[in-house]
PDB file of all heavy atoms in Angstrom:
ATOM      1  N   LEU A   1      76.415  99.860  90.422  1.00  0.00           N
ATOM      2  CA  LEU A   1      75.653 100.576  91.450  1.00  0.00           C
ATOM      3  C   LEU A   1      76.590 101.285  92.424  1.00  0.00           C
ATOM      4  O   LEU A   1      76.318 102.424  92.845  1.00  0.00           O
ATOM      5  CB  LEU A   1      74.741  99.608  92.202  1.00  0.00           C
ATOM      6  CG  LEU A   1      73.589  99.011  91.373  1.00  0.00           C
ATOM      7  CD1 LEU A   1      72.838  97.963  92.183  1.00  0.00           C
ATOM      8  CD2 LEU A   1      72.639 100.116  90.903  1.00  0.00           C
ATOM      9  N   GLU A   2      77.689 100.640  92.787  1.00  0.00           N
ATOM     10  CA  GLU A   2      78.659 101.276  93.676  1.00  0.00           C
ATOM     11  C   GLU A   2      79.260 102.519  93.034  1.00  0.00           C
ATOM     12  O   GLU A   2      79.585 103.492  93.724  1.00  0.00           O
ATOM     13  CB  GLU A   2      79.772 100.294  94.037  1.00  0.00           C
ATOM     14  CG  GLU A   2      79.337  99.176  94.974  1.00  0.00           C
ATOM     15  CD  GLU A   2      80.453  98.169  95.212  1.00  0.00           C
ATOM     16  OE1 GLU A   2      81.510  98.288  94.542  1.00  0.00           O
ATOM     17  OE2 GLU A   2      80.279  97.274  96.057  1.00  0.00           O
ATOM     18  N   ALA A   3      79.415 102.509  91.719  1.00  0.00           N
ATOM     19  CA  ALA A   3      80.020 103.635  91.020  1.00  0.00           C
ATOM     20  C   ALA A   3      79.137 104.877  91.039  1.00  0.00           C
ATOM     21  O   ALA A   3      79.626 105.978  90.768  1.00  0.00           O
ATOM     22  CB  ALA A   3      80.320 103.245  89.571  1.00  0.00           C
ATOM     23  N   LEU A   4      77.871 104.709  91.349  1.00  0.00           N
ATOM     24  CA  LEU A   4      76.965 105.855  91.415  1.00  0.00           C
ATOM     25  C   LEU A   4      77.144 106.646  92.698  1.00  0.00           C
ATOM     26  O   LEU A   4      76.640 107.763  92.815  1.00  0.00           O
ATOM     27  CB  LEU A   4      75.512 105.381  91.282  1.00  0.00           C
ATOM     28  CG  LEU A   4      75.186 104.625  89.984  1.00  0.00           C
ATOM     29  CD1 LEU A   4      73.735 104.170  89.981  1.00  0.00           C
ATOM     30  CD2 LEU A   4      75.473 105.491  88.758  1.00  0.00           C
ATOM     31  N   ARG A   5      77.858 106.074  93.661  1.00  0.00           N
ATOM     32  CA  ARG A   5      78.132 106.776  94.916  1.00  0.00           C
ATOM     33  C   ARG A   5      79.397 107.612  94.762  1.00  0.00           C
ATOM     34  O   ARG A   5      80.269 107.300  93.950  1.00  0.00           O
ATOM     35  CB  ARG A   5      78.276 105.781  96.061  1.00  0.00           C
ATOM     36  CG  ARG A   5      77.014 104.954  96.294  1.00  0.00           C
ATOM     37  CD  ARG A   5      77.127 104.086  97.526  1.00  0.00           C
ATOM     38  NE  ARG A   5      78.247 103.163  97.474  1.00  0.00           N
ATOM     39  CZ  ARG A   5      78.272 101.987  98.094  1.00  0.00           C
ATOM     40  NH1 ARG A   5      77.221 101.603  98.793  1.00  0.00           N
ATOM     41  NH2 ARG A   5      79.331 101.213  98.012  1.00  0.00           N
ATOM     42  N   PRO A   6      79.557 108.661  95.575  1.00  0.00           N
ATOM     43  CA  PRO A   6      80.720 109.542  95.407  1.00  0.00           C
ATOM     44  C   PRO A   6      82.043 108.920  95.835  1.00  0.00           C
ATOM     45  O   PRO A   6      83.100 109.347  95.373  1.00  0.00           O
ATOM     46  CB  PRO A   6      80.375 110.752  96.289  1.00  0.00           C
ATOM     47  CG  PRO A   6      79.377 110.245  97.288  1.00  0.00           C
ATOM     48  CD  PRO A   6      78.590 109.182  96.571  1.00  0.00           C
ATOM     49  N   ARG A   7      82.034 107.920  96.691  1.00  0.00           N
ATOM     50  CA  ARG A   7      83.280 107.333  97.171  1.00  0.00           C
ATOM     51  C   ARG A   7      83.967 106.551  96.049  1.00  0.00           C
ATOM     52  O   ARG A   7      83.344 105.744  95.365  1.00  0.00           O
ATOM     53  CB  ARG A   7      82.977 106.405  98.357  1.00  0.00           C
ATOM     54  CG  ARG A   7      84.205 105.789  99.008  1.00  0.00           C
ATOM     55  CD  ARG A   7      83.816 105.049 100.297  1.00  0.00           C
ATOM     56  NE  ARG A   7      84.950 104.354 100.875  1.00  0.00           N
ATOM     57  CZ  ARG A   7      85.300 103.099 100.574  1.00  0.00           C
ATOM     58  NH1 ARG A   7      84.583 102.432  99.695  1.00  0.00           N
ATOM     59  NH2 ARG A   7      86.341 102.532 101.146  1.00  0.00           N
ATOM     60  N   VAL A   8      85.269 106.780  95.865  1.00  0.00           N
ATOM     61  CA  VAL A   8      86.009 106.122  94.780  1.00  0.00           C
ATOM     62  C   VAL A   8      86.134 104.633  95.022  1.00  0.00           C
ATOM     63  O   VAL A   8      85.892 103.813  94.138  1.00  0.00           O
ATOM     64  CB  VAL A   8      87.410 106.750  94.613  1.00  0.00           C
ATOM     65  CG1 VAL A   8      88.216 105.990  93.561  1.00  0.00           C
ATOM     66  CG2 VAL A   8      87.285 108.209  94.233  1.00  0.00           C
ATOM     67  N   GLY A   9      86.509 104.238  96.235  1.00  0.00           N
ATOM     68  CA  GLY A   9      86.688 102.831  96.563  1.00  0.00           C
ATOM     69  C   GLY A   9      88.141 102.409  96.480  1.00  0.00           C
ATOM     70  O   GLY A   9      89.013 103.165  96.050  1.00  0.00           O
ATOM     71  N   ARG A  10      88.394 101.193  96.859  1.00  0.00           N
ATOM     72  CA  ARG A  10      89.750 100.665  96.923  1.00  0.00           C
ATOM     73  C   ARG A  10      90.170 100.097  95.569  1.00  0.00           C
ATOM     74  O   ARG A  10      89.401  99.441  94.890  1.00  0.00           O
ATOM     75  CB  ARG A  10      89.820  99.557  97.990  1.00  0.00           C
ATOM     76  CG  ARG A  10      91.200  98.912  98.133  1.00  0.00           C
ATOM     77  CD  ARG A  10      91.191  97.857  99.213  1.00  0.00           C
ATOM     78  NE  ARG A  10      92.459  97.149  99.259  1.00  0.00           N
ATOM     79  CZ  ARG A  10      93.533  97.575  99.900  1.00  0.00           C
ATOM     80  NH1 ARG A  10      93.493  98.733 100.544  1.00  0.00           N
ATOM     81  NH2 ARG A  10      94.657  96.889  99.909  1.00  0.00           N
ATOM     82  N   TRP A  11      91.424 100.354  95.200  1.00  0.00           N
ATOM     83  CA  TRP A  11      91.994  99.828  93.952  1.00  0.00           C
ATOM     84  C   TRP A  11      92.631  98.486  94.289  1.00  0.00           C
ATOM     85  O   TRP A  11      93.747  98.423  94.785  1.00  0.00           O
ATOM     86  CB  TRP A  11      93.040 100.806  93.415  1.00  0.00           C
ATOM     87  CG  TRP A  11      93.341 100.703  91.953  1.00  0.00           C
ATOM     88  CD1 TRP A  11      92.887 101.513  90.965  1.00  0.00           C
ATOM     89  CD2 TRP A  11      94.211  99.759  91.304  1.00  0.00           C
ATOM     90  NE1 TRP A  11      93.395 101.131  89.749  1.00  0.00           N
ATOM     91  CE2 TRP A  11      94.221 100.053  89.926  1.00  0.00           C
ATOM     92  CE3 TRP A  11      94.975  98.677  91.762  1.00  0.00           C
ATOM     93  CZ2 TRP A  11      94.959  99.323  89.005  1.00  0.00           C
ATOM     94  CZ3 TRP A  11      95.701  97.944  90.843  1.00  0.00           C
ATOM     95  CH2 TRP A  11      95.689  98.270  89.486  1.00  0.00           C
ATOM     96  N   ASP A  12      91.911  97.393  94.018  1.00  0.00           N
ATOM     97  CA  ASP A  12      92.408  96.054  94.348  1.00  0.00           C
ATOM     98  C   ASP A  12      93.201  95.498  93.173  1.00  0.00           C
ATOM     99  O   ASP A  12      92.687  95.378  92.055  1.00  0.00           O
ATOM    100  CB  ASP A  12      91.250  95.115  94.678  1.00  0.00           C
ATOM    101  CG  ASP A  12      90.540  95.510  95.965  1.00  0.00           C
ATOM    102  OD1 ASP A  12      91.240  95.873  96.921  1.00  0.00           O
ATOM    103  OD2 ASP A  12      89.299  95.464  95.986  1.00  0.00           O
ATOM    104  N   ARG A  13      94.446  95.162  93.419  1.00  0.00           N
ATOM    105  CA  ARG A  13      95.294  94.603  92.382  1.00  0.00           C
ATOM    106  C   ARG A  13      94.861  93.178  92.041  1.00  0.00           C
ATOM    107  O   ARG A  13      94.234  92.488  92.859  1.00  0.00           O
ATOM    108  CB  ARG A  13      96.761  94.569  92.838  1.00  0.00           C
ATOM    109  CG  ARG A  13      96.968  93.811  94.129  1.00  0.00           C
ATOM    110  CD  ARG A  13      98.415  93.741  94.532  1.00  0.00           C
ATOM    111  NE  ARG A  13      99.173  92.812  93.720  1.00  0.00           N
ATOM    112  CZ  ARG A  13      99.129  91.498  93.877  1.00  0.00           C
ATOM    113  NH1 ARG A  13      98.345  90.962  94.799  1.00  0.00           N
ATOM    114  NH2 ARG A  13      99.859  90.711  93.127  1.00  0.00           N
ATOM    115  N   THR A  14      95.183  92.748  90.841  1.00  0.00           N
ATOM    116  CA  THR A  14      94.911  91.384  90.416  1.00  0.00           C
ATOM    117  C   THR A  14      96.160  90.541  90.647  1.00  0.00           C
ATOM    118  O   THR A  14      97.218  90.853  90.105  1.00  0.00           O
ATOM    119  CB  THR A  14      94.541  91.345  88.921  1.00  0.00           C
ATOM    120  OG1 THR A  14      93.456  92.245  88.681  1.00  0.00           O
ATOM    121  CG2 THR A  14      94.144  89.940  88.506  1.00  0.00           C
ATOM    122  N   PRO A  15      96.088  89.485  91.451  1.00  0.00           N
ATOM    123  CA  PRO A  15      97.289  88.674  91.724  1.00  0.00           C
ATOM    124  C   PRO A  15      97.860  88.041  90.462  1.00  0.00           C
ATOM    125  O   PRO A  15      97.125  87.625  89.569  1.00  0.00           O
ATOM    126  CB  PRO A  15      96.770  87.598  92.682  1.00  0.00           C
ATOM    127  CG  PRO A  15      95.510  88.141  93.254  1.00  0.00           C
ATOM    128  CD  PRO A  15      94.916  88.998  92.189  1.00  0.00           C
ATOM    129  N   LYS A  16      99.193  88.005  90.383  1.00  0.00           N
ATOM    130  CA  LYS A  16      99.879  87.345  89.274  1.00  0.00           C
ATOM    131  C   LYS A  16     100.815  86.304  89.847  1.00  0.00           C
ATOM    132  O   LYS A  16     101.506  86.543  90.833  1.00  0.00           O
ATOM    133  CB  LYS A  16     100.684  88.335  88.432  1.00  0.00           C
ATOM    134  CG  LYS A  16      99.847  89.404  87.742  1.00  0.00           C
ATOM    135  CD  LYS A  16      99.855  90.694  88.505  1.00  0.00           C
ATOM    136  CE  LYS A  16      99.046  91.765  87.808  1.00  0.00           C
ATOM    137  NZ  LYS A  16      98.963  92.990  88.634  1.00  0.00           N
ATOM    138  N   TYR A  17     100.858  85.123  89.218  1.00  0.00           N
ATOM    139  CA  TYR A  17     101.627  84.006  89.766  1.00  0.00           C
ATOM    140  C   TYR A  17     102.666  83.455  88.786  1.00  0.00           C
ATOM    141  O   TYR A  17     103.337  82.480  89.092  1.00  0.00           O
ATOM    142  CB  TYR A  17     100.684  82.868  90.150  1.00  0.00           C
ATOM    143  CG  TYR A  17      99.645  83.253  91.168  1.00  0.00           C
ATOM    144  CD1 TYR A  17      98.333  83.485  90.786  1.00  0.00           C
ATOM    145  CD2 TYR A  17      99.983  83.393  92.505  1.00  0.00           C
ATOM    146  CE1 TYR A  17      97.372  83.844  91.724  1.00  0.00           C
ATOM    147  CE2 TYR A  17      99.033  83.758  93.448  1.00  0.00           C
ATOM    148  CZ  TYR A  17      97.730  83.979  93.048  1.00  0.00           C
ATOM    149  OH  TYR A  17      96.782  84.337  93.975  1.00  0.00           O
ATOM    150  N   ALA A  18     102.782  84.039  87.593  1.00  0.00           N
ATOM    151  CA  ALA A  18     103.653  83.474  86.565  1.00  0.00           C
ATOM    152  C   ALA A  18     103.257  82.029  86.270  1.00  0.00           C
ATOM    153  O   ALA A  18     104.103  81.169  86.035  1.00  0.00           O
ATOM    154  CB  ALA A  18     105.123  83.557  86.967  1.00  0.00           C
ATOM    155  N   LEU A  19     101.961  81.746  86.294  1.00  0.00           N
ATOM    156  CA  LEU A  19     101.461  80.394  86.055  1.00  0.00           C
ATOM    157  C   LEU A  19     101.191  80.193  84.570  1.00  0.00           C
ATOM    158  O   LEU A  19     100.323  80.833  83.990  1.00  0.00           O
ATOM    159  CB  LEU A  19     100.164  80.158  86.839  1.00  0.00           C
ATOM    160  CG  LEU A  19     100.276  80.123  88.362  1.00  0.00           C
ATOM    161  CD1 LEU A  19      98.923  79.852  88.969  1.00  0.00           C
ATOM    162  CD2 LEU A  19     101.256  79.054  88.813  1.00  0.00           C
ATOM    163  N   VAL A  20     101.918  79.309  83.963  1.00  0.00           N
ATOM    164  CA  VAL A  20     101.640  78.914  82.585  1.00  0.00           C
ATOM    165  C   VAL A  20     101.447  77.398  82.484  1.00  0.00           C
ATOM    166  O   VAL A  20     101.040  76.891  81.459  1.00  0.00           O
ATOM    167  CB  VAL A  20     102.775  79.359  81.640  1.00  0.00           C
ATOM    168  CG1 VAL A  20     102.822  80.864  81.555  1.00  0.00           C
ATOM    169  CG2 VAL A  20     104.114  78.812  82.082  1.00  0.00           C
ATOM    170  N   ASP A  21     101.731  76.690  83.558  1.00  0.00           N
ATOM    171  CA  ASP A  21     101.597  75.237  83.601  1.00  0.00           C
ATOM    172  C   ASP A  21     100.328  74.888  84.378  1.00  0.00           C
ATOM    173  O   ASP A  21     100.188  75.257  85.551  1.00  0.00           O
ATOM    174  CB  ASP A  21     102.821  74.626  84.298  1.00  0.00           C
ATOM    175  CG  ASP A  21     102.759  73.100  84.333  1.00  0.00           C
ATOM    176  OD1 ASP A  21     101.723  72.525  83.936  1.00  0.00           O
ATOM    177  OD2 ASP A  21     103.760  72.490  84.751  1.00  0.00           O
ATOM    178  N   PRO A  22      99.349  74.196  83.780  1.00  0.00           N
ATOM    179  CA  PRO A  22      98.116  73.858  84.493  1.00  0.00           C
ATOM    180  C   PRO A  22      98.347  73.043  85.758  1.00  0.00           C
ATOM    181  O   PRO A  22      97.491  73.011  86.640  1.00  0.00           O
ATOM    182  CB  PRO A  22      97.317  73.048  83.460  1.00  0.00           C
ATOM    183  CG  PRO A  22      97.881  73.436  82.147  1.00  0.00           C
ATOM    184  CD  PRO A  22      99.333  73.727  82.392  1.00  0.00           C
ATOM    185  N   ARG A  23      99.505  72.390  85.881  1.00  0.00           N
ATOM    186  CA  ARG A  23      99.755  71.573  87.072  1.00  0.00           C
ATOM    187  C   ARG A  23     100.352  72.388  88.217  1.00  0.00           C
ATOM    188  O   ARG A  23     100.531  71.877  89.315  1.00  0.00           O
ATOM    189  CB  ARG A  23     100.711  70.431  86.710  1.00  0.00           C
ATOM    190  CG  ARG A  23     100.152  69.463  85.671  1.00  0.00           C
ATOM    191  CD  ARG A  23     101.244  68.599  85.098  1.00  0.00           C
ATOM    192  NE  ARG A  23     102.238  69.419  84.389  1.00  0.00           N
ATOM    193  CZ  ARG A  23     103.319  68.922  83.808  1.00  0.00           C
ATOM    194  NH1 ARG A  23     103.537  67.619  83.825  1.00  0.00           N
ATOM    195  NH2 ARG A  23     104.168  69.717  83.189  1.00  0.00           N
ATOM    196  N   ALA A  24     100.709  73.649  87.948  1.00  0.00           N
ATOM    197  CA  ALA A  24     101.360  74.461  88.978  1.00  0.00           C
ATOM    198  C   ALA A  24     100.384  74.762  90.118  1.00  0.00           C
ATOM    199  O   ALA A  24      99.188  74.965  89.890  1.00  0.00           O
ATOM    200  CB  ALA A  24     101.858  75.764  88.369  1.00  0.00           C
ATOM    201  N   PRO A  25     100.852  74.784  91.358  1.00  0.00           N
ATOM    202  CA  PRO A  25      99.956  74.997  92.493  1.00  0.00           C
ATOM    203  C   PRO A  25      99.572  76.452  92.662  1.00  0.00           C
ATOM    204  O   PRO A  25     100.262  77.358  92.224  1.00  0.00           O
ATOM    205  CB  PRO A  25     100.808  74.539  93.685  1.00  0.00           C
ATOM    206  CG  PRO A  25     102.214  74.828  93.260  1.00  0.00           C
ATOM    207  CD  PRO A  25     102.250  74.554  91.774  1.00  0.00           C
ATOM    208  N   ARG A  26      98.447  76.691  93.317  1.00  0.00           N
ATOM    209  CA  ARG A  26      98.071  78.031  93.738  1.00  0.00           C
ATOM    210  C   ARG A  26      98.994  78.446  94.876  1.00  0.00           C
ATOM    211  O   ARG A  26      99.384  77.630  95.708  1.00  0.00           O
ATOM    212  CB  ARG A  26      96.618  78.072  94.228  1.00  0.00           C
ATOM    213  CG  ARG A  26      95.604  77.713  93.163  1.00  0.00           C
ATOM    214  CD  ARG A  26      95.480  78.838  92.135  1.00  0.00           C
ATOM    215  NE  ARG A  26      94.334  78.612  91.263  1.00  0.00           N
ATOM    216  CZ  ARG A  26      94.379  77.940  90.137  1.00  0.00           C
ATOM    217  NH1 ARG A  26      95.502  77.389  89.764  1.00  0.00           N
ATOM    218  NH2 ARG A  26      93.311  77.807  89.395  1.00  0.00           N
ATOM    219  N   ARG A  27      99.281  79.749  94.928  1.00  0.00           N
ATOM    220  CA  ARG A  27     100.207  80.192  95.954  1.00  0.00           C
ATOM    221  C   ARG A  27      99.639  81.394  96.695  1.00  0.00           C
ATOM    222  O   ARG A  27      98.451  81.422  96.993  1.00  0.00           O
ATOM    223  CB  ARG A  27     101.571  80.475  95.309  1.00  0.00           C
ATOM    224  CG  ARG A  27     102.243  79.181  94.822  1.00  0.00           C
ATOM    225  CD  ARG A  27     103.530  79.461  94.082  1.00  0.00           C
ATOM    226  NE  ARG A  27     103.271  79.724  92.687  1.00  0.00           N
ATOM    227  CZ  ARG A  27     104.221  79.892  91.767  1.00  0.00           C
ATOM    228  NH1 ARG A  27     105.483  79.832  92.112  1.00  0.00           N
ATOM    229  NH2 ARG A  27     103.919  80.120  90.502  1.00  0.00           N
ATOM    230  N   ARG A  28     100.460  82.380  97.001  1.00  0.00           N
ATOM    231  CA  ARG A  28     100.026  83.504  97.811  1.00  0.00           C
ATOM    232  C   ARG A  28      99.108  84.447  97.039  1.00  0.00           C
ATOM    233  O   ARG A  28      98.806  84.253  95.881  1.00  0.00           O
ATOM    234  CB  ARG A  28     101.259  84.263  98.316  1.00  0.00           C
ATOM    235  CG  ARG A  28     102.080  83.453  99.302  1.00  0.00           C
ATOM    236  CD  ARG A  28     103.411  84.110  99.588  1.00  0.00           C
ATOM    237  NE  ARG A  28     103.284  85.458 100.090  1.00  0.00           N
ATOM    238  CZ  ARG A  28     104.314  86.208 100.471  1.00  0.00           C
ATOM    239  NH1 ARG A  28     105.536  85.729 100.404  1.00  0.00           N
ATOM    240  NH2 ARG A  28     104.129  87.428 100.912  1.00  0.00           N
ATOM    241  N   TYR A  29      98.678  85.510  97.738  1.00  0.00           N
ATOM    242  CA  TYR A  29      97.845  86.568  97.160  1.00  0.00           C
ATOM    243  C   TYR A  29      96.456  86.056  96.771  1.00  0.00           C
ATOM    244  O   TYR A  29      95.940  86.357  95.702  1.00  0.00           O
ATOM    245  CB  TYR A  29      98.513  87.211  95.941  1.00  0.00           C
ATOM    246  CG  TYR A  29      99.904  87.751  96.161  1.00  0.00           C
ATOM    247  CD1 TYR A  29     100.879  87.609  95.176  1.00  0.00           C
ATOM    248  CD2 TYR A  29     100.247  88.414  97.337  1.00  0.00           C
ATOM    249  CE1 TYR A  29     102.155  88.121  95.355  1.00  0.00           C
ATOM    250  CE2 TYR A  29     101.521  88.924  97.525  1.00  0.00           C
ATOM    251  CZ  TYR A  29     102.474  88.776  96.530  1.00  0.00           C
ATOM    252  OH  TYR A  29     103.731  89.284  96.707  1.00  0.00           O
ATOM    253  N   ARG A  30      95.861  85.260  97.626  1.00  0.00           N
ATOM    254  CA  ARG A  30      94.518  84.771  97.313  1.00  0.00           C
ATOM    255  C   ARG A  30      93.510  85.907  97.436  1.00  0.00           C
ATOM    256  O   ARG A  30      93.636  86.804  98.255  1.00  0.00           O
ATOM    257  CB  ARG A  30      94.120  83.644  98.267  1.00  0.00           C
ATOM    258  CG  ARG A  30      94.902  82.353  98.075  1.00  0.00           C
ATOM    259  CD  ARG A  30      94.264  81.220  98.846  1.00  0.00           C
ATOM    260  NE  ARG A  30      94.993  79.985  98.680  1.00  0.00           N
ATOM    261  CZ  ARG A  30      95.899  79.536  99.542  1.00  0.00           C
ATOM    262  NH1 ARG A  30      96.184  80.233 100.623  1.00  0.00           N
ATOM    263  NH2 ARG A  30      96.515  78.396  99.320  1.00  0.00           N
ATOM    264  N   VAL A  31      92.466  85.834  96.618  1.00  0.00           N
ATOM    265  CA  VAL A  31      91.381  86.802  96.619  1.00  0.00           C
ATOM    266  C   VAL A  31      90.088  86.051  96.893  1.00  0.00           C
ATOM    267  O   VAL A  31      89.901  84.948  96.404  1.00  0.00           O
ATOM    268  CB  VAL A  31      91.283  87.527  95.258  1.00  0.00           C
ATOM    269  CG1 VAL A  31      90.127  88.514  95.254  1.00  0.00           C
ATOM    270  CG2 VAL A  31      92.591  88.244  94.957  1.00  0.00           C
ATOM    271  N   GLY A  32      89.194  86.672  97.660  1.00  0.00           N
ATOM    272  CA  GLY A  32      87.893  86.054  97.903  1.00  0.00           C
ATOM    273  C   GLY A  32      87.814  85.395  99.261  1.00  0.00           C
ATOM    274  O   GLY A  32      88.747  84.742  99.700  1.00  0.00           O
ATOM    275  N   GLY A  33      86.663  85.573  99.912  1.00  0.00           N
ATOM    276  CA  GLY A  33      86.465  85.016 101.235  1.00  0.00           C
ATOM    277  C   GLY A  33      85.692  83.711 101.200  1.00  0.00           C
ATOM    278  O   GLY A  33      85.454  83.117 100.148  1.00  0.00           O
TER     279      GLY A  33
END
């Protein structure tokens, strides 16, 4: 629905953490309120 409006919008990057170990902690670049 947002795409039907003329405004392009913000290009939000997807955070990458080099996480391959399930025990590794979450770190910076959190997304979501």
